[in-house]
């Protein structure tokens, strides 16, 4: 058996194999995930419960949770969740640039706490402890600000409702080399679409090129209604679609019971 990789299918071969021209009969609905579509006479529901501690997994509720339910499109992790106003606010507040801004606003108050407790630095144990705590809090805040401002940059693409950041990890222990990371939260209607791309940086890929690729992907993305099946080649995600030439590797982990209700 040859160890040479098989030849990739052409766009026409992919289009034919996906049967994009298929239409169900009257009264029958369709849904799609990845490059597969199916018919169903019953209503369906996607697992869109947002979990701050595990943003790229999908679940129907806090009691029905599967950590392995993830979607990847090439090197991009994707997640879709319901985004109430409260969830949107939490997501925006958790962006590195906004955490840094919040800490900077707290600096005057932390300095005032040191001034208040400075007289007790040579006092009894209780007073000395108050002073040490105030100093420690100020030092921790300054170190966090320096780390956030050094490691993270604000990222934005020309799409309404997007909030993101980029990060460069030199000599990453995860992949053994320098890694570029781009992540964005795209708010559309009542949903948030999360995209994260990691790329090893070297001779074939620069941070700038990685950013351009990521931006191009986001600009090609579009939302779709439940049971709306695109007619061109591409990849379906819950309530969304990424058009392409059919050659990008897609990895959707989990079982149908985890993905649909």
Protein backbone atom coordinates (compact mmCIF):
# COMPACT_ATOMS: atom_id res chain seq x y z
CA UNK A 1 0.00 0.00 0.00
CA UNK A 2 1.36 3.41 -0.92
CA UNK A 3 2.15 5.82 1.90
CA UNK A 4 1.52 8.79 -0.37
CA UNK A 5 -1.52 10.90 0.57
CA UNK A 6 -4.59 10.50 -1.59
CA UNK A 7 -5.38 13.27 -4.04
CA UNK A 8 -7.72 15.89 -2.68
CA UNK A 9 -11.14 16.04 -4.35
CA UNK A 10 -11.91 18.93 -6.64
CA UNK A 11 -14.58 21.51 -5.82
CA UNK A 12 -16.89 19.87 -8.37
CA UNK A 13 -16.41 16.44 -6.80
CA UNK A 14 -17.17 17.87 -3.35
CA UNK A 15 -20.27 19.61 -4.66
CA UNK A 16 -21.52 16.38 -6.23
CA UNK A 17 -20.85 14.29 -3.13
CA UNK A 18 -22.63 16.75 -0.84
CA UNK A 19 -25.80 16.64 -2.99
CA UNK A 20 -26.27 20.39 -2.52
CA UNK A 21 -29.14 20.36 -5.02
CA UNK A 22 -31.21 17.95 -2.92
CA UNK A 23 -34.53 19.35 -1.68
CA UNK A 24 -36.85 17.57 0.76
CA UNK A 25 -40.54 17.08 0.16
CA UNK A 26 -43.23 19.41 1.44
CA UNK A 27 -43.59 19.50 5.23
CA UNK A 28 -40.12 18.06 5.85
CA UNK A 29 -37.42 20.27 7.36
CA UNK A 30 -33.65 20.06 7.07
CA UNK A 31 -30.75 20.93 9.33
CA UNK A 32 -27.00 20.77 8.84
CA UNK A 33 -23.75 20.48 10.79
CA UNK A 34 -20.31 20.40 9.27
CA UNK A 35 -20.68 19.24 5.67
CA UNK A 36 -23.69 17.02 6.36
CA UNK A 37 -27.38 17.85 6.14
CA UNK A 38 -30.37 15.69 7.05
CA UNK A 39 -34.15 15.73 7.03
CA UNK A 40 -36.36 15.61 10.10
CA UNK A 41 -40.07 15.81 10.76
CA UNK A 42 -39.47 16.90 14.37
CA UNK A 43 -38.31 20.23 15.74
CA UNK A 44 -34.69 20.37 16.87
CA UNK A 45 -32.66 22.42 19.30
CA UNK A 46 -28.95 23.20 19.49
CA UNK A 47 -26.98 23.05 22.79
CA UNK A 48 -26.26 26.75 23.21
CA UNK A 49 -25.82 27.11 26.98
CA UNK A 50 -22.88 29.45 27.69
CA UNK A 51 -20.26 28.21 30.14
CA UNK A 52 -17.64 30.83 31.05
CA UNK A 53 -15.16 28.21 32.26
CA UNK A 54 -15.38 26.22 29.03
CA UNK A 55 -16.40 28.55 26.21
CA UNK A 56 -15.74 26.15 23.35
CA UNK A 57 -17.89 23.28 24.59
CA UNK A 58 -21.63 23.00 24.08
CA UNK A 59 -24.40 21.91 26.42
CA UNK A 60 -28.17 22.16 26.78
CA UNK A 61 -28.02 23.18 30.43
CA UNK A 62 -25.72 23.20 33.43
CA UNK A 63 -26.91 19.64 34.19
CA UNK A 64 -26.34 18.30 30.65
CA UNK A 65 -22.74 18.98 29.80
CA UNK A 66 -20.17 17.27 27.58
CA UNK A 67 -16.67 18.75 27.58
CA UNK A 68 -15.75 17.03 24.33
CA UNK A 69 -18.43 18.69 22.20
CA UNK A 70 -16.21 20.99 20.16
CA UNK A 71 -16.01 22.32 16.61
CA UNK A 72 -12.87 23.01 14.62
CA UNK A 73 -12.59 24.47 11.15
CA UNK A 74 -8.98 24.04 10.08
CA UNK A 75 -7.01 25.56 12.96
CA UNK A 76 -9.98 27.60 14.23
CA UNK A 77 -12.05 26.57 17.25
CA UNK A 78 -15.68 27.70 17.02
CA UNK A 79 -18.52 27.92 19.50
CA UNK A 80 -22.06 29.31 19.40
CA UNK A 81 -24.05 30.30 22.47
CA UNK A 82 -27.12 32.19 23.52
CA UNK A 83 -26.00 35.61 24.72
CA UNK A 84 -28.29 37.40 27.14
CA UNK A 85 -27.41 41.04 27.92
CA UNK A 86 -25.84 39.81 31.17
CA UNK A 87 -23.67 37.24 29.37
CA UNK A 88 -22.61 39.81 26.76
CA UNK A 89 -21.55 42.20 29.53
CA UNK A 90 -19.56 39.47 31.29
CA UNK A 91 -17.78 38.50 28.06
CA UNK A 92 -16.83 42.09 27.22
CA UNK A 93 -15.66 42.74 30.78
CA UNK A 94 -13.47 39.60 30.64
CA UNK A 95 -11.49 40.77 27.59
CA UNK A 96 -7.81 41.27 28.55
CA UNK A 97 -7.80 44.93 27.50
CA UNK A 98 -10.86 45.65 29.64
CA UNK A 99 -9.45 43.82 32.68
CA UNK A 100 -6.34 45.98 32.34
CA UNK A 101 -8.47 49.14 32.07
CA UNK A 102 -10.44 48.20 35.19
CA UNK A 103 -7.25 47.60 37.18
CA UNK A 104 -5.83 50.95 36.06
CA UNK A 105 -8.96 52.69 37.33
CA UNK A 106 -8.46 50.98 40.71
CA UNK A 107 -4.86 52.21 41.14
CA UNK A 108 -5.75 55.57 42.79
CA UNK A 109 -7.89 53.77 45.36
CA UNK A 110 -5.15 51.22 46.05
CA UNK A 111 -2.66 54.04 46.54
CA UNK A 112 -5.04 55.74 48.94
CA UNK A 113 -5.27 52.51 50.94
CA UNK A 114 -1.49 52.49 51.34
CA UNK A 115 -1.59 56.10 52.55
CA UNK A 116 -4.28 55.21 55.08
CA UNK A 117 -2.37 52.25 56.48
CA UNK A 118 1.20 53.60 56.21
CA UNK A 119 1.16 54.98 59.74
CA UNK A 120 0.64 51.45 61.03
CA UNK A 121 3.63 49.88 59.25
CA UNK A 122 5.58 50.03 62.51
CA UNK A 123 2.54 49.44 64.74
CA UNK A 124 1.07 46.29 66.21
CA UNK A 125 0.59 43.06 64.25
CA UNK A 126 -2.87 44.00 63.03
CA UNK A 127 -1.81 47.42 61.74
CA UNK A 128 1.33 46.05 60.08
CA UNK A 129 -0.73 43.38 58.36
CA UNK A 130 -3.15 45.98 56.94
CA UNK A 131 -0.20 47.86 55.48
CA UNK A 132 1.35 44.72 53.95
CA UNK A 133 -2.00 43.71 52.41
CA UNK A 134 -2.43 47.16 50.86
CA UNK A 135 1.11 47.02 49.43
CA UNK A 136 0.56 43.50 48.09
CA UNK A 137 -2.70 44.43 46.37
CA UNK A 138 -1.08 47.42 44.67
CA UNK A 139 1.91 45.36 43.54
CA UNK A 140 -0.31 42.56 42.19
CA UNK A 141 -2.43 45.07 40.26
CA UNK A 142 0.64 46.69 38.67
CA UNK A 143 2.09 43.31 37.70
CA UNK A 144 -1.23 42.18 36.19
CA UNK A 145 -1.53 45.40 34.17
CA UNK A 146 2.03 45.05 32.88
CA UNK A 147 1.45 41.41 31.89
CA UNK A 148 -1.88 42.09 30.18
CA UNK A 149 -0.56 45.10 28.26
CA UNK A 150 2.56 43.17 27.23
CA UNK A 151 0.97 39.89 26.15
CA UNK A 152 -2.40 40.95 24.69
CA UNK A 153 -3.41 43.37 21.95
CA UNK A 154 -6.87 44.54 21.03
CA UNK A 155 -8.15 42.89 17.85
CA UNK A 156 -11.04 44.07 15.72
CA UNK A 157 -12.30 43.34 12.22
CA UNK A 158 -14.64 45.45 10.08
CA UNK A 159 -17.78 43.66 11.29
CA UNK A 160 -20.35 45.17 13.63
CA UNK A 161 -20.63 43.56 17.04
CA UNK A 162 -17.16 42.00 17.31
CA UNK A 163 -14.82 42.17 20.30
CA UNK A 164 -11.49 40.40 20.32
CA UNK A 165 -7.82 40.18 21.19
CA UNK A 166 -4.57 38.74 19.91
CA UNK A 167 -1.66 37.20 21.77
CA UNK A 168 1.84 36.12 20.82
CA UNK A 169 3.46 33.33 22.84
CA UNK A 170 7.19 33.10 22.26
CA UNK A 171 8.63 29.61 22.81
CA UNK A 172 5.20 28.24 23.66
CA UNK A 173 5.31 25.11 25.79
CA UNK A 174 2.08 23.97 24.14
CA UNK A 175 3.36 23.63 20.59
CA UNK A 176 7.10 23.85 21.10
CA UNK A 177 7.56 27.10 19.18
CA UNK A 178 6.25 30.63 18.90
CA UNK A 179 2.47 30.75 18.60
CA UNK A 180 0.09 33.47 17.42
CA UNK A 181 -3.43 33.48 18.86
CA UNK A 182 -6.44 35.44 17.64
CA UNK A 183 -9.81 35.28 19.35
CA UNK A 184 -13.01 37.19 18.76
CA UNK A 185 -16.57 37.27 20.03
CA UNK A 186 -19.09 38.12 17.33
CA UNK A 187 -22.50 39.14 18.66
CA UNK A 188 -25.36 38.67 16.22
CA UNK A 189 -28.99 39.01 17.32
CA UNK A 190 -29.30 36.95 20.54
CA UNK A 191 -26.23 34.80 19.93
CA UNK A 192 -22.48 35.03 20.34
CA UNK A 193 -20.20 33.27 17.86
CA UNK A 194 -16.71 32.64 19.28
CA UNK A 195 -13.71 32.05 17.00
CA UNK A 196 -10.17 31.26 18.16
CA UNK A 197 -7.23 30.57 15.84
CA UNK A 198 -3.80 29.31 16.91
CA UNK A 199 -0.94 29.24 14.41
CA UNK A 200 2.71 28.31 14.83
CA UNK A 201 4.89 31.15 13.62
CA UNK A 202 7.89 30.40 11.41
CA UNK A 203 9.19 30.76 7.87
CA UNK A 204 5.82 29.92 6.31
CA UNK A 205 3.62 31.99 8.61
CA UNK A 206 3.99 35.41 10.24
CA UNK A 207 1.80 37.02 12.88
CA UNK A 208 0.59 39.54 10.29
CA UNK A 209 -0.33 36.81 7.78
CA UNK A 210 -2.13 34.87 10.50
CA UNK A 211 -4.17 37.95 11.38
CA UNK A 212 -5.14 38.52 7.74
CA UNK A 213 -6.25 34.89 7.34
CA UNK A 214 -8.33 35.09 10.51
CA UNK A 215 -9.97 38.36 9.42
CA UNK A 216 -10.79 36.89 6.00
CA UNK A 217 -12.48 33.91 7.65
CA UNK A 218 -14.60 36.15 9.87
CA UNK A 219 -15.64 38.33 6.94
CA UNK A 220 -16.77 35.25 4.99
CA UNK A 221 -18.88 33.96 7.89
CA UNK A 222 -22.61 34.53 7.87
CA UNK A 223 -25.47 33.64 10.15
CA UNK A 224 -28.37 31.42 9.10
CA UNK A 225 -31.81 30.61 10.44
CA UNK A 226 -32.65 27.26 12.00
CA UNK A 227 -33.40 24.78 9.16
CA UNK A 228 -31.88 27.09 6.55
CA UNK A 229 -29.60 24.99 4.33
CA UNK A 230 -27.03 26.89 2.20
CA UNK A 231 -26.82 25.76 -1.41
CA UNK A 232 -23.10 26.38 -1.94
CA UNK A 233 -20.09 24.50 -0.60
CA UNK A 234 -19.12 25.22 2.96
CA UNK A 235 -19.44 24.22 6.59
CA UNK A 236 -22.53 24.58 8.76
CA UNK A 237 -22.30 25.44 12.41
CA UNK A 238 -25.33 25.98 14.64
CA UNK A 239 -27.09 29.04 13.20
CA UNK A 240 -24.10 29.91 11.05
CA UNK A 241 -22.23 29.05 7.85
CA UNK A 242 -18.67 29.28 6.51
CA UNK A 243 -18.48 29.11 2.70
CA UNK A 244 -15.35 27.52 1.22
CA UNK A 245 -14.07 25.28 -1.59
CA UNK A 246 -14.76 22.08 0.34
CA UNK A 247 -11.13 21.34 1.19
CA UNK A 248 -10.70 22.68 4.72
CA UNK A 249 -10.61 19.88 7.29
CA UNK A 250 -13.49 20.10 9.76
CA UNK A 251 -13.53 18.32 13.11
CA UNK A 252 -16.80 18.17 15.06
CA UNK A 253 -16.52 16.09 18.22
CA UNK A 254 -19.40 14.61 20.17
CA UNK A 255 -22.43 12.46 19.45
CA UNK A 256 -25.74 13.44 17.89
CA UNK A 257 -27.38 13.14 21.31
CA UNK A 258 -24.93 15.76 22.61
CA UNK A 259 -25.47 18.10 19.68
CA UNK A 260 -29.20 17.98 19.02
CA UNK A 261 -32.32 17.75 21.12
